[in-house]
Amino acid sequence: MRRLVAILVIVSLTGMGLPQPAQAGMLPTEAGLSTEAGTKERILGFLDRGDVRNQLQSLGVNPADAKARVASLTDDEAAQLASKIDNLPAGGDGVGALIGALLIVFIVLLITDILGVTKVFPFTKPIK
C-alpha cells in the first residue's frame, strides 16, 4: 500500500512540472470595452441588492453616493474591486472554512491511523 501511494505521489509531482499548452490571440476592441463596462455594471448590480443596501445604510453610507463613487472609478479600479468582491467568502464569518479545516484534519488523522503511522482514534485498526 505504501509503495502504491509513493508511486502515485511521484507520478503526480512529476506531472505538475510539465508545461501546459496555452493559446494567445488578438482580442477585438469591442470585446475589451464590453468587459470593462460590464465590470461597473456588475458592481452597481451588487449595490442594488437589498442586503447590501441595508448594510450600507447601517454604516451611514448613502447608496446613491456609493453608486456615484462606482461610476467615477477608473476601469482598473473597477476591475480590482470586482475581483475583490468575487474572492470574498459568501458567508463572511468563516464558519464554513473552520468546519472544512477540521474535516480535513480529521480525514488526515483517520488515514494515518489506518496506515498505522499514528494512533489517535480508538475505533480504527491499522493495516497489517
N, C-alpha and C. Protein backbone atom coordinates (compact mmCIF):
# COMPACT_ATOMS: atom_id res chain seq x y z
N MET A 1 0.83 -1.19 0.00
CA MET A 1 0.00 0.00 0.00
C MET A 1 0.88 1.26 0.00
N ARG A 2 1.93 1.24 0.82
CA ARG A 2 2.82 2.39 0.88
C ARG A 2 3.54 2.60 -0.45
N ARG A 3 3.91 1.49 -1.08
CA ARG A 3 4.60 1.58 -2.36
C ARG A 3 3.67 2.20 -3.41
N LEU A 4 2.38 1.80 -3.41
CA LEU A 4 1.41 2.35 -4.35
C LEU A 4 1.21 3.84 -4.12
N VAL A 5 1.08 4.25 -2.86
CA VAL A 5 0.92 5.67 -2.55
C VAL A 5 2.15 6.46 -2.96
N ALA A 6 3.33 5.89 -2.71
CA ALA A 6 4.56 6.58 -3.09
C ALA A 6 4.65 6.74 -4.61
N ILE A 7 4.28 5.72 -5.36
CA ILE A 7 4.32 5.80 -6.82
C ILE A 7 3.33 6.85 -7.32
N LEU A 8 2.14 6.87 -6.74
CA LEU A 8 1.15 7.87 -7.15
C LEU A 8 1.61 9.29 -6.85
N VAL A 9 2.25 9.50 -5.72
CA VAL A 9 2.76 10.83 -5.37
C VAL A 9 3.87 11.24 -6.32
N ILE A 10 4.76 10.32 -6.63
CA ILE A 10 5.86 10.62 -7.55
C ILE A 10 5.33 10.98 -8.94
N VAL A 11 4.37 10.21 -9.43
CA VAL A 11 3.81 10.48 -10.76
C VAL A 11 3.08 11.81 -10.78
N SER A 12 2.31 12.11 -9.74
CA SER A 12 1.58 13.37 -9.73
C SER A 12 2.52 14.57 -9.60
N LEU A 13 3.57 14.46 -8.79
CA LEU A 13 4.51 15.56 -8.68
C LEU A 13 5.32 15.76 -9.95
N THR A 14 5.62 14.68 -10.63
CA THR A 14 6.32 14.78 -11.90
C THR A 14 5.44 15.46 -12.95
N GLY A 15 4.17 15.11 -12.95
CA GLY A 15 3.24 15.70 -13.91
C GLY A 15 3.00 17.18 -13.68
N MET A 16 3.19 17.66 -12.46
CA MET A 16 2.98 19.09 -12.18
C MET A 16 4.04 19.94 -12.85
N GLY A 17 5.22 19.39 -13.10
CA GLY A 17 6.30 20.16 -13.68
C GLY A 17 6.24 20.26 -15.19
N LEU A 18 5.34 19.51 -15.82
CA LEU A 18 5.25 19.55 -17.27
C LEU A 18 4.61 20.85 -17.73
N PRO A 19 5.07 21.40 -18.84
CA PRO A 19 4.45 22.64 -19.33
C PRO A 19 3.04 22.39 -19.85
N GLN A 20 2.16 23.32 -19.59
CA GLN A 20 0.78 23.21 -20.03
C GLN A 20 0.62 24.00 -21.33
N PRO A 21 -0.18 23.50 -22.26
CA PRO A 21 -0.37 24.24 -23.51
C PRO A 21 -1.16 25.52 -23.26
N ALA A 22 -0.82 26.56 -24.02
CA ALA A 22 -1.51 27.83 -23.89
C ALA A 22 -1.75 28.40 -25.28
N GLN A 23 -2.78 29.20 -25.39
CA GLN A 23 -3.09 29.85 -26.66
C GLN A 23 -3.21 31.33 -26.43
N ALA A 24 -2.75 32.08 -27.40
CA ALA A 24 -2.87 33.53 -27.34
C ALA A 24 -3.49 33.99 -28.65
N GLY A 25 -4.25 35.03 -28.58
CA GLY A 25 -4.88 35.55 -29.78
C GLY A 25 -5.21 37.02 -29.61
N MET A 26 -5.59 37.62 -30.69
CA MET A 26 -5.96 39.02 -30.67
C MET A 26 -7.37 39.17 -30.12
N LEU A 27 -7.58 40.20 -29.33
CA LEU A 27 -8.87 40.49 -28.75
C LEU A 27 -9.42 41.73 -29.42
N PRO A 28 -10.63 41.65 -29.97
CA PRO A 28 -11.20 42.85 -30.59
C PRO A 28 -11.45 43.95 -29.55
N THR A 29 -11.38 45.19 -29.98
CA THR A 29 -11.56 46.31 -29.07
C THR A 29 -12.93 46.29 -28.41
N GLU A 30 -13.95 45.92 -29.17
CA GLU A 30 -15.31 45.90 -28.61
C GLU A 30 -15.43 44.90 -27.46
N ALA A 31 -14.74 43.77 -27.58
CA ALA A 31 -14.81 42.77 -26.51
C ALA A 31 -14.14 43.29 -25.24
N GLY A 32 -13.02 43.99 -25.40
CA GLY A 32 -12.34 44.56 -24.23
C GLY A 32 -13.15 45.65 -23.56
N LEU A 33 -13.79 46.48 -24.34
CA LEU A 33 -14.60 47.56 -23.77
C LEU A 33 -15.85 47.02 -23.12
N SER A 34 -16.44 45.98 -23.70
CA SER A 34 -17.67 45.44 -23.12
C SER A 34 -17.41 44.81 -21.76
N THR A 35 -16.24 44.19 -21.58
CA THR A 35 -15.96 43.60 -20.28
C THR A 35 -15.69 44.67 -19.24
N GLU A 36 -15.06 45.78 -19.64
CA GLU A 36 -14.81 46.85 -18.68
C GLU A 36 -16.12 47.52 -18.27
N ALA A 37 -17.01 47.75 -19.22
CA ALA A 37 -18.30 48.34 -18.88
C ALA A 37 -19.12 47.35 -18.06
N GLY A 38 -19.00 46.06 -18.37
CA GLY A 38 -19.72 45.04 -17.62
C GLY A 38 -19.26 44.96 -16.18
N THR A 39 -18.01 45.29 -15.93
CA THR A 39 -17.49 45.26 -14.56
C THR A 39 -18.19 46.29 -13.70
N LYS A 40 -18.31 47.51 -14.20
CA LYS A 40 -19.00 48.55 -13.43
C LYS A 40 -20.48 48.21 -13.25
N GLU A 41 -21.09 47.65 -14.30
CA GLU A 41 -22.50 47.26 -14.19
C GLU A 41 -22.67 46.16 -13.15
N ARG A 42 -21.72 45.24 -13.10
CA ARG A 42 -21.79 44.17 -12.11
C ARG A 42 -21.68 44.72 -10.70
N ILE A 43 -20.80 45.69 -10.49
CA ILE A 43 -20.65 46.30 -9.17
C ILE A 43 -21.92 47.06 -8.80
N LEU A 44 -22.47 47.79 -9.75
CA LEU A 44 -23.71 48.53 -9.49
C LEU A 44 -24.86 47.56 -9.19
N GLY A 45 -24.89 46.42 -9.87
CA GLY A 45 -25.90 45.41 -9.57
C GLY A 45 -25.73 44.85 -8.17
N PHE A 46 -24.49 44.72 -7.75
CA PHE A 46 -24.21 44.26 -6.39
C PHE A 46 -24.72 45.28 -5.37
N LEU A 47 -24.56 46.57 -5.68
CA LEU A 47 -25.03 47.62 -4.77
C LEU A 47 -26.54 47.72 -4.74
N ASP A 48 -27.22 47.22 -5.77
CA ASP A 48 -28.68 47.26 -5.81
C ASP A 48 -29.33 46.17 -4.96
N ARG A 49 -28.55 45.20 -4.52
CA ARG A 49 -29.12 44.15 -3.68
C ARG A 49 -29.60 44.73 -2.36
N GLY A 50 -30.70 44.21 -1.85
CA GLY A 50 -31.31 44.73 -0.62
C GLY A 50 -30.43 44.60 0.60
N ASP A 51 -29.78 43.46 0.75
CA ASP A 51 -28.93 43.27 1.93
C ASP A 51 -27.72 44.18 1.90
N VAL A 52 -27.17 44.42 0.72
CA VAL A 52 -26.01 45.32 0.60
C VAL A 52 -26.45 46.76 0.90
N ARG A 53 -27.62 47.13 0.35
CA ARG A 53 -28.14 48.48 0.60
C ARG A 53 -28.40 48.70 2.09
N ASN A 54 -28.98 47.71 2.76
CA ASN A 54 -29.24 47.83 4.20
C ASN A 54 -27.94 47.94 5.00
N GLN A 55 -26.93 47.17 4.60
CA GLN A 55 -25.65 47.23 5.30
C GLN A 55 -24.98 48.59 5.10
N LEU A 56 -25.06 49.12 3.87
CA LEU A 56 -24.50 50.45 3.63
C LEU A 56 -25.19 51.50 4.48
N GLN A 57 -26.52 51.43 4.56
CA GLN A 57 -27.26 52.40 5.37
C GLN A 57 -26.95 52.25 6.85
N SER A 58 -26.74 51.03 7.31
CA SER A 58 -26.41 50.84 8.72
C SER A 58 -25.02 51.40 9.04
N LEU A 59 -24.15 51.44 8.04
CA LEU A 59 -22.82 52.03 8.23
C LEU A 59 -22.80 53.53 7.99
N GLY A 60 -23.96 54.10 7.62
CA GLY A 60 -24.05 55.55 7.40
C GLY A 60 -23.66 56.00 6.01
N VAL A 61 -23.70 55.08 5.05
CA VAL A 61 -23.35 55.43 3.67
C VAL A 61 -24.63 55.48 2.85
N ASN A 62 -24.82 56.56 2.12
CA ASN A 62 -25.97 56.69 1.25
C ASN A 62 -25.72 55.83 0.00
N PRO A 63 -26.65 54.91 -0.35
CA PRO A 63 -26.44 54.06 -1.52
C PRO A 63 -26.26 54.86 -2.82
N ALA A 64 -26.90 56.02 -2.93
CA ALA A 64 -26.74 56.85 -4.14
C ALA A 64 -25.31 57.38 -4.22
N ASP A 65 -24.74 57.74 -3.08
CA ASP A 65 -23.35 58.19 -3.07
C ASP A 65 -22.40 57.06 -3.47
N ALA A 66 -22.69 55.85 -3.01
CA ALA A 66 -21.85 54.70 -3.34
C ALA A 66 -21.90 54.43 -4.85
N LYS A 67 -23.09 54.56 -5.43
CA LYS A 67 -23.22 54.35 -6.87
C LYS A 67 -22.47 55.43 -7.65
N ALA A 68 -22.51 56.66 -7.15
CA ALA A 68 -21.77 57.75 -7.81
C ALA A 68 -20.26 57.49 -7.74
N ARG A 69 -19.81 56.96 -6.62
CA ARG A 69 -18.38 56.64 -6.49
C ARG A 69 -17.97 55.53 -7.44
N VAL A 70 -18.84 54.52 -7.60
CA VAL A 70 -18.54 53.43 -8.53
C VAL A 70 -18.49 53.96 -9.96
N ALA A 71 -19.39 54.86 -10.30
CA ALA A 71 -19.40 55.42 -11.65
C ALA A 71 -18.13 56.23 -11.93
N SER A 72 -17.52 56.81 -10.90
CA SER A 72 -16.32 57.61 -11.10
C SER A 72 -15.02 56.80 -11.06
N LEU A 73 -15.11 55.49 -10.81
CA LEU A 73 -13.92 54.64 -10.78
C LEU A 73 -13.32 54.48 -12.17
N THR A 74 -12.01 54.34 -12.22
CA THR A 74 -11.37 54.02 -13.49
C THR A 74 -11.61 52.54 -13.79
N ASP A 75 -11.29 52.13 -15.01
CA ASP A 75 -11.52 50.74 -15.39
C ASP A 75 -10.67 49.78 -14.57
N ASP A 76 -9.44 50.17 -14.29
CA ASP A 76 -8.56 49.31 -13.48
C ASP A 76 -9.07 49.19 -12.04
N GLU A 77 -9.51 50.30 -11.47
CA GLU A 77 -10.04 50.27 -10.11
C GLU A 77 -11.31 49.43 -10.03
N ALA A 78 -12.16 49.54 -11.06
CA ALA A 78 -13.40 48.75 -11.08
C ALA A 78 -13.07 47.27 -11.20
N ALA A 79 -12.07 46.93 -12.01
CA ALA A 79 -11.68 45.52 -12.14
C ALA A 79 -11.12 44.98 -10.83
N GLN A 80 -10.32 45.79 -10.12
CA GLN A 80 -9.77 45.35 -8.83
C GLN A 80 -10.88 45.15 -7.82
N LEU A 81 -11.85 46.09 -7.78
CA LEU A 81 -12.96 45.97 -6.84
C LEU A 81 -13.82 44.75 -7.16
N ALA A 82 -14.07 44.50 -8.44
CA ALA A 82 -14.87 43.34 -8.82
C ALA A 82 -14.16 42.04 -8.46
N SER A 83 -12.84 41.99 -8.63
CA SER A 83 -12.12 40.78 -8.27
C SER A 83 -12.13 40.56 -6.76
N LYS A 84 -12.07 41.65 -5.98
CA LYS A 84 -12.15 41.50 -4.52
C LYS A 84 -13.52 41.00 -4.11
N ILE A 85 -14.57 41.50 -4.76
CA ILE A 85 -15.93 41.05 -4.45
C ILE A 85 -16.07 39.58 -4.79
N ASP A 86 -15.50 39.15 -5.93
CA ASP A 86 -15.59 37.75 -6.34
C ASP A 86 -14.84 36.83 -5.39
N ASN A 87 -13.76 37.31 -4.78
CA ASN A 87 -12.93 36.47 -3.92
C ASN A 87 -13.42 36.42 -2.47
N LEU A 88 -14.35 37.28 -2.10
CA LEU A 88 -14.84 37.27 -0.73
C LEU A 88 -15.67 36.03 -0.47
N PRO A 89 -15.61 35.48 0.74
CA PRO A 89 -16.45 34.33 1.05
C PRO A 89 -17.92 34.74 1.11
N ALA A 90 -18.79 33.81 0.74
CA ALA A 90 -20.22 34.13 0.67
C ALA A 90 -20.78 34.46 2.05
N GLY A 91 -20.41 33.69 3.08
CA GLY A 91 -20.95 33.94 4.41
C GLY A 91 -20.22 35.06 5.12
N GLY A 92 -18.94 35.14 4.92
CA GLY A 92 -18.15 36.19 5.51
C GLY A 92 -17.75 35.96 6.95
N ASP A 93 -18.30 34.92 7.62
CA ASP A 93 -17.96 34.72 9.02
C ASP A 93 -16.90 33.65 9.23
N GLY A 94 -16.60 32.87 8.23
CA GLY A 94 -15.54 31.89 8.33
C GLY A 94 -15.91 30.59 8.99
N VAL A 95 -17.18 30.38 9.33
CA VAL A 95 -17.58 29.13 9.98
C VAL A 95 -17.39 27.96 9.02
N GLY A 96 -17.74 28.17 7.75
CA GLY A 96 -17.57 27.11 6.76
C GLY A 96 -16.11 26.74 6.58
N ALA A 97 -15.22 27.74 6.59
CA ALA A 97 -13.80 27.46 6.46
C ALA A 97 -13.28 26.69 7.67
N LEU A 98 -13.77 27.03 8.85
CA LEU A 98 -13.36 26.31 10.06
C LEU A 98 -13.83 24.87 10.02
N ILE A 99 -15.06 24.65 9.61
CA ILE A 99 -15.58 23.28 9.52
C ILE A 99 -14.80 22.49 8.48
N GLY A 100 -14.50 23.12 7.36
CA GLY A 100 -13.72 22.44 6.32
C GLY A 100 -12.34 22.07 6.80
N ALA A 101 -11.69 22.98 7.52
CA ALA A 101 -10.35 22.69 8.04
C ALA A 101 -10.38 21.55 9.05
N LEU A 102 -11.38 21.55 9.93
CA LEU A 102 -11.50 20.46 10.90
C LEU A 102 -11.77 19.13 10.21
N LEU A 103 -12.57 19.16 9.16
CA LEU A 103 -12.85 17.94 8.42
C LEU A 103 -11.59 17.41 7.74
N ILE A 104 -10.79 18.28 7.18
CA ILE A 104 -9.54 17.85 6.54
C ILE A 104 -8.58 17.25 7.57
N VAL A 105 -8.47 17.88 8.73
CA VAL A 105 -7.60 17.35 9.79
C VAL A 105 -8.08 15.99 10.24
N PHE A 106 -9.41 15.84 10.38
CA PHE A 106 -9.97 14.54 10.79
C PHE A 106 -9.65 13.47 9.76
N ILE A 107 -9.82 13.78 8.48
CA ILE A 107 -9.56 12.79 7.44
C ILE A 107 -8.09 12.40 7.39
N VAL A 108 -7.20 13.38 7.53
CA VAL A 108 -5.77 13.07 7.52
C VAL A 108 -5.39 12.19 8.71
N LEU A 109 -5.90 12.52 9.88
CA LEU A 109 -5.60 11.69 11.06
C LEU A 109 -6.20 10.29 10.92
N LEU A 110 -7.39 10.20 10.33
CA LEU A 110 -8.01 8.90 10.13
C LEU A 110 -7.18 8.04 9.17
N ILE A 111 -6.71 8.65 8.09
CA ILE A 111 -5.90 7.90 7.13
C ILE A 111 -4.57 7.46 7.75
N THR A 112 -3.95 8.35 8.52
CA THR A 112 -2.69 7.96 9.15
C THR A 112 -2.90 6.88 10.21
N ASP A 113 -4.06 6.88 10.87
CA ASP A 113 -4.37 5.81 11.81
C ASP A 113 -4.54 4.48 11.08
N ILE A 114 -5.24 4.51 9.95
CA ILE A 114 -5.47 3.28 9.19
C ILE A 114 -4.16 2.74 8.64
N LEU A 115 -3.27 3.63 8.23
CA LEU A 115 -1.96 3.19 7.71
C LEU A 115 -1.02 2.75 8.83
N GLY A 116 -1.36 3.02 10.09
CA GLY A 116 -0.55 2.58 11.21
C GLY A 116 0.54 3.56 11.59
N VAL A 117 0.51 4.77 11.06
CA VAL A 117 1.52 5.77 11.38
C VAL A 117 1.24 6.38 12.75
N THR A 118 -0.01 6.67 13.04
CA THR A 118 -0.40 7.25 14.33
C THR A 118 -1.46 6.37 14.98
N LYS A 119 -1.78 6.69 16.22
CA LYS A 119 -2.87 6.00 16.92
C LYS A 119 -3.64 7.06 17.69
N VAL A 120 -4.55 7.76 16.98
CA VAL A 120 -5.34 8.83 17.58
C VAL A 120 -6.73 8.35 17.93
N PHE A 121 -7.36 7.61 17.02
CA PHE A 121 -8.74 7.17 17.20
C PHE A 121 -8.77 5.70 17.64
N PRO A 122 -9.53 5.40 18.72
CA PRO A 122 -9.57 4.02 19.19
C PRO A 122 -10.40 3.09 18.30
N PHE A 123 -11.21 3.63 17.40
CA PHE A 123 -12.09 2.79 16.58
C PHE A 123 -11.44 2.34 15.27
N THR A 124 -10.18 2.69 15.05
CA THR A 124 -9.52 2.27 13.82
C THR A 124 -8.58 1.10 14.10
N LYS A 125 -8.37 0.28 13.07
CA LYS A 125 -7.42 -0.82 13.15
C LYS A 125 -6.41 -0.62 12.04
N PRO A 126 -5.13 -0.62 12.36
CA PRO A 126 -4.11 -0.39 11.31
C PRO A 126 -4.04 -1.56 10.33
N ILE A 127 -3.64 -1.24 9.13
CA ILE A 127 -3.45 -2.25 8.09
C ILE A 127 -2.18 -3.02 8.42
N LYS A 128 -2.23 -4.33 8.28
CA LYS A 128 -1.05 -5.16 8.62
C LYS A 128 -0.32 -5.58 7.40
